C-alpha atoms as a PDB file:
ATOM      1  CA  MET A   1      55.635  30.186  -9.493  1.00  0.00           C
ATOM      2  CA  THR A   2      52.085  29.703 -10.714  1.00  0.00           C
ATOM      3  CA  ARG A   3      49.153  28.433  -8.675  1.00  0.00           C
ATOM      4  CA  GLY A   4      49.334  25.093 -10.513  1.00  0.00           C
ATOM      5  CA  GLU A   5      53.035  24.698  -9.706  1.00  0.00           C
ATOM      6  CA  LYS A   6      52.442  25.423  -6.016  1.00  0.00           C
ATOM      7  CA  SER A   7      49.821  22.673  -5.812  1.00  0.00           C
ATOM      8  CA  LYS A   8      52.346  20.105  -7.098  1.00  0.00           C
ATOM      9  CA  ILE A   9      54.823  20.696  -4.253  1.00  0.00           C
ATOM     10  CA  VAL A  10      54.957  17.701  -1.887  1.00  0.00           C
ATOM     11  CA  ALA A  11      57.024  17.085   1.207  1.00  0.00           C
ATOM     12  CA  SER A  12      60.446  15.554   0.662  1.00  0.00           C
ATOM     13  CA  PRO A  13      61.484  12.205   2.147  1.00  0.00           C
ATOM     14  CA  TRP A  14      63.744  12.169   5.199  1.00  0.00           C
ATOM     15  CA  PRO A  15      65.630   9.605   7.285  1.00  0.00           C
ATOM     16  CA  VAL A  16      64.877   9.129  10.972  1.00  0.00           C
ATOM     17  CA  ILE A  17      67.867   7.856  12.930  1.00  0.00           C
ATOM     18  CA  ASP A  18      67.461   6.366  16.397  1.00  0.00           C
ATOM     19  CA  GLU A  19      70.533   7.834  18.088  1.00  0.00           C
ATOM     20  CA  GLU A  20      70.539   5.250  20.876  1.00  0.00           C
ATOM     21  CA  ARG A  21      70.539   2.299  18.459  1.00  0.00           C
ATOM     22  CA  CYS A  22      73.231   3.814  16.216  1.00  0.00           C
ATOM     23  CA  LYS A  23      76.670   2.220  16.666  1.00  0.00           C
ATOM     24  CA  GLY A  24      78.468   5.056  14.900  1.00  0.00           C
ATOM     25  CA  CYS A  25      79.936   2.792  12.210  1.00  0.00           C
ATOM     26  CA  GLY A  26      79.359   5.374   9.457  1.00  0.00           C
ATOM     27  CA  ARG A  27      78.145   2.903   6.830  1.00  0.00           C
ATOM     28  CA  CYS A  28      75.009   4.975   6.218  1.00  0.00           C
ATOM     29  CA  ILE A  29      77.055   8.143   5.869  1.00  0.00           C
ATOM     30  CA  GLU A  30      79.472   6.610   3.369  1.00  0.00           C
ATOM     31  CA  SER A  31      76.735   4.969   1.306  1.00  0.00           C
ATOM     32  CA  CYS A  32      74.426   7.988   0.993  1.00  0.00           C
ATOM     33  CA  PRO A  33      74.517   9.072  -2.670  1.00  0.00           C
ATOM     34  CA  LYS A  34      73.380  12.622  -1.824  1.00  0.00           C
ATOM     35  CA  LYS A  35      75.743  12.969   1.178  1.00  0.00           C
ATOM     36  CA  VAL A  36      73.013  14.278   3.489  1.00  0.00           C
ATOM     37  CA  LEU A  37      74.116  12.330   6.580  1.00  0.00           C
ATOM     38  CA  ARG A  38      76.939  13.170   8.973  1.00  0.00           C
ATOM     39  CA  PHE A  39      78.195  12.283  12.443  1.00  0.00           C
ATOM     40  CA  LYS A  40      76.542  14.209  15.253  1.00  0.00           C
ATOM     41  CA  GLU A  41      78.891  16.218  17.465  1.00  0.00           C
ATOM     42  CA  SER A  42      77.456  14.874  20.723  1.00  0.00           C
ATOM     43  CA  LEU A  43      77.772  11.313  21.998  1.00  0.00           C
ATOM     44  CA  ASN A  44      74.943   8.858  22.569  1.00  0.00           C
ATOM     45  CA  ARG A  45      74.638   6.524  25.583  1.00  0.00           C
ATOM     46  CA  ARG A  46      76.980   4.027  23.914  1.00  0.00           C
ATOM     47  CA  GLY A  47      79.665   6.702  23.843  1.00  0.00           C
ATOM     48  CA  VAL A  48      79.757   7.050  20.052  1.00  0.00           C
ATOM     49  CA  HIS A  49      78.871   9.835  17.661  1.00  0.00           C
ATOM     50  CA  PRO A  50      75.615   8.722  16.000  1.00  0.00           C
ATOM     51  CA  ALA A  51      74.657   9.608  12.463  1.00  0.00           C
ATOM     52  CA  GLU A  52      72.285  12.511  11.851  1.00  0.00           C
ATOM     53  CA  TYR A  53      70.403  13.991   8.915  1.00  0.00           C
ATOM     54  CA  THR A  54      71.599  17.386   7.706  1.00  0.00           C
ATOM     55  CA  GLY A  55      68.009  18.512   7.184  1.00  0.00           C
ATOM     56  CA  SER A  56      67.555  18.629   3.430  1.00  0.00           C
ATOM     57  CA  GLY A  57      68.418  16.844   0.233  1.00  0.00           C
ATOM     58  CA  CYS A  58      67.156  13.319   0.967  1.00  0.00           C
ATOM     59  CA  VAL A  59      65.647  11.613  -2.082  1.00  0.00           C
ATOM     60  CA  GLY A  60      64.269   8.599  -0.199  1.00  0.00           C
ATOM     61  CA  CYS A  61      66.425   6.004  -1.944  1.00  0.00           C
ATOM     62  CA  GLY A  62      66.841   3.908   1.241  1.00  0.00           C
ATOM     63  CA  VAL A  63      70.523   3.163   0.680  1.00  0.00           C
ATOM     64  CA  CYS A  64      71.286   4.257   4.254  1.00  0.00           C
ATOM     65  CA  PHE A  65      68.628   1.862   5.588  1.00  0.00           C
ATOM     66  CA  TYR A  66      69.969  -1.106   3.607  1.00  0.00           C
ATOM     67  CA  ASN A  67      73.586  -0.443   4.611  1.00  0.00           C
ATOM     68  CA  CYS A  68      72.911  -0.074   8.341  1.00  0.00           C
ATOM     69  CA  PRO A  69      73.897  -3.211  10.286  1.00  0.00           C
ATOM     70  CA  GLU A  70      71.738  -2.285  13.292  1.00  0.00           C
ATOM     71  CA  PRO A  71      68.056  -3.290  13.025  1.00  0.00           C
ATOM     72  CA  TYR A  72      65.617  -0.423  13.567  1.00  0.00           C
ATOM     73  CA  ALA A  73      68.319   2.259  13.716  1.00  0.00           C
ATOM     74  CA  ILE A  74      67.247   4.006  10.487  1.00  0.00           C
ATOM     75  CA  GLU A  75      63.840   4.505   8.945  1.00  0.00           C
ATOM     76  CA  VAL A  76      63.269   6.466   5.746  1.00  0.00           C
ATOM     77  CA  ILE A  77      59.990   8.383   5.740  1.00  0.00           C
ATOM     78  CA  LEU A  78      58.387   8.659   2.331  1.00  0.00           C
ATOM     79  CA  PRO A  79      55.569  11.233   2.345  1.00  0.00           C
ATOM     80  CA  GLU A  80      52.317  10.068   0.876  1.00  0.00           C
ATOM     81  CA  LYS A  81      51.799  11.525  -2.554  1.00  0.00           C
ATOM     82  CA  LYS A  82      48.388  13.092  -2.884  1.00  0.00           C
ATOM     83  CA  PRO A  83      46.608  13.147  -6.226  1.00  0.00           C
ATOM     84  CA  GLN A  84      47.125  16.519  -7.841  1.00  0.00           C
ATOM     85  CA  PRO A  85      44.201  18.413  -9.388  1.00  0.00           C
ATOM     86  CA  ALA A  86      44.360  18.848 -13.112  1.00  0.00           C
ATOM     87  CA  ASP A  87      45.732  22.189 -14.239  1.00  0.00           C
ATOM     88  CA  PRO A  88      43.122  24.459 -15.843  1.00  0.00           C
ATOM     89  CA  PRO A  89      43.455  24.730 -19.644  1.00  0.00           C
END
């Protein structure tokens, strides 16, 4: 990997799931095109298995957010893209 290629690397998007608001319906898990969500093994205070992010692979499409019936249960973080310096000739 060249110095120019390293400077173009930016953080990937990721979903943040509020475990206590999650109803465990699984709509986000089923709708995710990259299949990066799953049910957590432990229970939340509602007594259901909330959804969790597997840790990599999110593309920031927001499909999980739009399919979730619970307001404020999922937020998709999209890292700010910084202007990249021009590569030397």
